[in-house]
Protein backbone atom coordinates (compact mmCIF):
# COMPACT_ATOMS: atom_id res chain seq x y z
CA UNK A 1 -0.95 20.91 24.85
CA UNK A 2 0.10 22.07 21.25
CA UNK A 3 4.09 21.74 19.71
CA UNK A 4 5.54 22.46 17.17
CA UNK A 5 6.97 19.98 14.41
CA UNK A 6 10.40 21.11 13.22
CA UNK A 7 12.29 19.86 10.18
CA UNK A 8 15.33 19.16 12.25
CA UNK A 9 17.32 18.91 9.02
CA UNK A 10 16.16 22.03 7.52
CA UNK A 11 15.44 24.03 10.64
CA UNK A 12 12.17 24.87 9.67
CA UNK A 13 9.07 24.93 11.53
CA UNK A 14 6.18 23.37 9.46
CA UNK A 15 3.51 23.81 11.92
CA UNK A 16 3.35 25.11 15.27
CA UNK A 17 -0.15 23.44 16.41
CA UNK A 18 1.04 20.13 16.75
CA UNK A 19 -1.00 17.80 18.94
CA UNK A 20 0.77 14.45 20.74
CA UNK A 21 -2.11 12.02 20.07
CA UNK A 22 -1.05 9.68 23.50
CA UNK A 23 -4.26 8.69 24.57
CA UNK A 24 -6.84 6.10 23.21
CA UNK A 25 -9.28 8.80 22.52
CA UNK A 26 -7.24 11.06 20.91
CA UNK A 27 -5.90 8.64 18.32
CA UNK A 28 -9.08 7.32 17.32
CA UNK A 29 -10.92 10.80 16.76
CA UNK A 30 -7.74 12.63 15.91
CA UNK A 31 -9.00 14.94 13.00
CA UNK A 32 -12.30 13.34 12.20
CA UNK A 33 -15.28 15.55 12.09
CA UNK A 34 -13.42 18.62 11.28
CA UNK A 35 -14.38 20.52 8.10
CA UNK A 36 -11.11 22.83 8.19
CA UNK A 37 -7.65 21.63 8.96
CA UNK A 38 -5.51 24.51 8.73
CA UNK A 39 -1.80 23.92 7.37
CA UNK A 40 -0.52 24.42 10.74
CA UNK A 41 -2.42 22.02 12.52
CA UNK A 42 -0.97 18.58 13.40
CA UNK A 43 -1.45 14.94 14.80
CA UNK A 44 1.91 13.29 15.88
CA UNK A 45 0.38 9.83 16.41
CA UNK A 46 3.78 7.45 18.24
CA UNK A 47 3.81 3.80 17.49
CA UNK A 48 1.73 3.57 14.41
CA UNK A 49 2.44 2.77 10.62
CA UNK A 50 -0.56 3.31 9.18
CA UNK A 51 -4.15 5.37 9.23
CA UNK A 52 -7.22 5.60 7.49
CA UNK A 53 -9.38 9.07 6.41
CA UNK A 54 -12.59 7.16 6.49
CA UNK A 55 -14.84 9.70 8.18
CA UNK A 56 -12.98 13.08 7.61
CA UNK A 57 -14.22 15.76 6.10
CA UNK A 58 -10.84 17.45 4.61
CA UNK A 59 -8.20 15.94 2.62
CA UNK A 60 -4.34 16.06 4.66
CA UNK A 61 -1.00 15.62 4.43
CA UNK A 62 0.87 12.67 6.15
CA UNK A 63 3.88 11.87 7.02
CA UNK A 64 5.45 8.38 7.76
CA UNK A 65 7.99 8.05 10.38
CA UNK A 66 11.19 5.60 11.31
CA UNK A 67 11.96 4.98 15.10
CA UNK A 68 14.48 8.17 15.01
CA UNK A 69 12.12 10.60 13.12
CA UNK A 70 13.41 9.91 9.76
CA UNK A 71 10.40 10.33 6.74
CA UNK A 72 10.13 7.45 5.05
CA UNK A 73 6.80 8.30 3.09
CA UNK A 74 4.87 11.17 2.08
CA UNK A 75 1.46 11.33 1.10
CA UNK A 76 0.27 14.69 0.09
CA UNK A 77 -3.33 15.94 0.07
CA UNK A 78 -4.91 12.34 0.94
CA UNK A 79 -8.66 12.52 -0.03
CA UNK A 80 -11.17 11.37 2.82
CA UNK A 81 -12.50 8.04 2.94
CA UNK A 82 -9.16 6.35 2.12
CA UNK A 83 -9.20 2.67 3.49
CA UNK A 84 -5.86 2.04 4.15
CA UNK A 85 -2.34 4.20 3.88
CA UNK A 86 0.60 2.58 5.47
CA UNK A 87 4.40 2.47 5.63
CA UNK A 88 5.40 -1.21 7.41
CA UNK A 89 8.50 0.34 8.80
CA UNK A 90 7.18 3.83 10.10
CA UNK A 91 6.54 3.74 13.92
CA UNK A 92 5.40 7.08 13.78
CA UNK A 93 2.64 8.99 11.60
CA UNK A 94 2.23 13.09 11.55
CA UNK A 95 -0.80 14.34 9.77
CA UNK A 96 -0.98 17.99 9.12
CA UNK A 97 -3.71 20.22 7.28
CA UNK A 98 -2.73 19.97 3.62
CA UNK A 99 0.13 22.17 2.43
CA UNK A 100 2.21 22.49 5.20
CA UNK A 101 5.25 21.34 2.97
CA UNK A 102 4.74 24.35 0.30
CA UNK A 103 7.94 26.97 1.21
CA UNK A 104 9.61 24.48 3.45
CA UNK A 105 10.55 21.49 1.41
CA UNK A 106 10.37 18.09 3.17
CA UNK A 107 11.79 15.32 1.82
CA UNK A 108 12.53 11.68 1.94
CA UNK A 109 15.53 11.32 4.71
CA UNK A 110 14.78 14.40 6.78
CA UNK A 111 14.34 14.31 10.29
CA UNK A 112 11.28 15.89 11.93
CA UNK A 113 10.64 16.14 15.53
CA UNK A 114 8.29 17.90 18.02
CA UNK A 115 9.96 21.38 19.65
């Protein structure tokens, strides 16, 4: 079941087709193999502070969140085949199609949540 990614700080919806990666399979596969990821698509990965894009076919935007959902780091248009991207203090990583932030400023310190 998909949910919406909301910037609680600004009240804007960033993406409306976000999957919470709960199973081992969802966490492992994620967006791998997809030729296109719409800016409205997202993957919410809890208990996570680092990701890779090895095997990806397209760039993604990445938001690293702390335990309360506040943005610690933003990486826009991360290219495929990056071996390691991390934020040691993060507890959640949100991956989205590129340009999810366009028209919706997302800043370090904003609070993101699933609704």
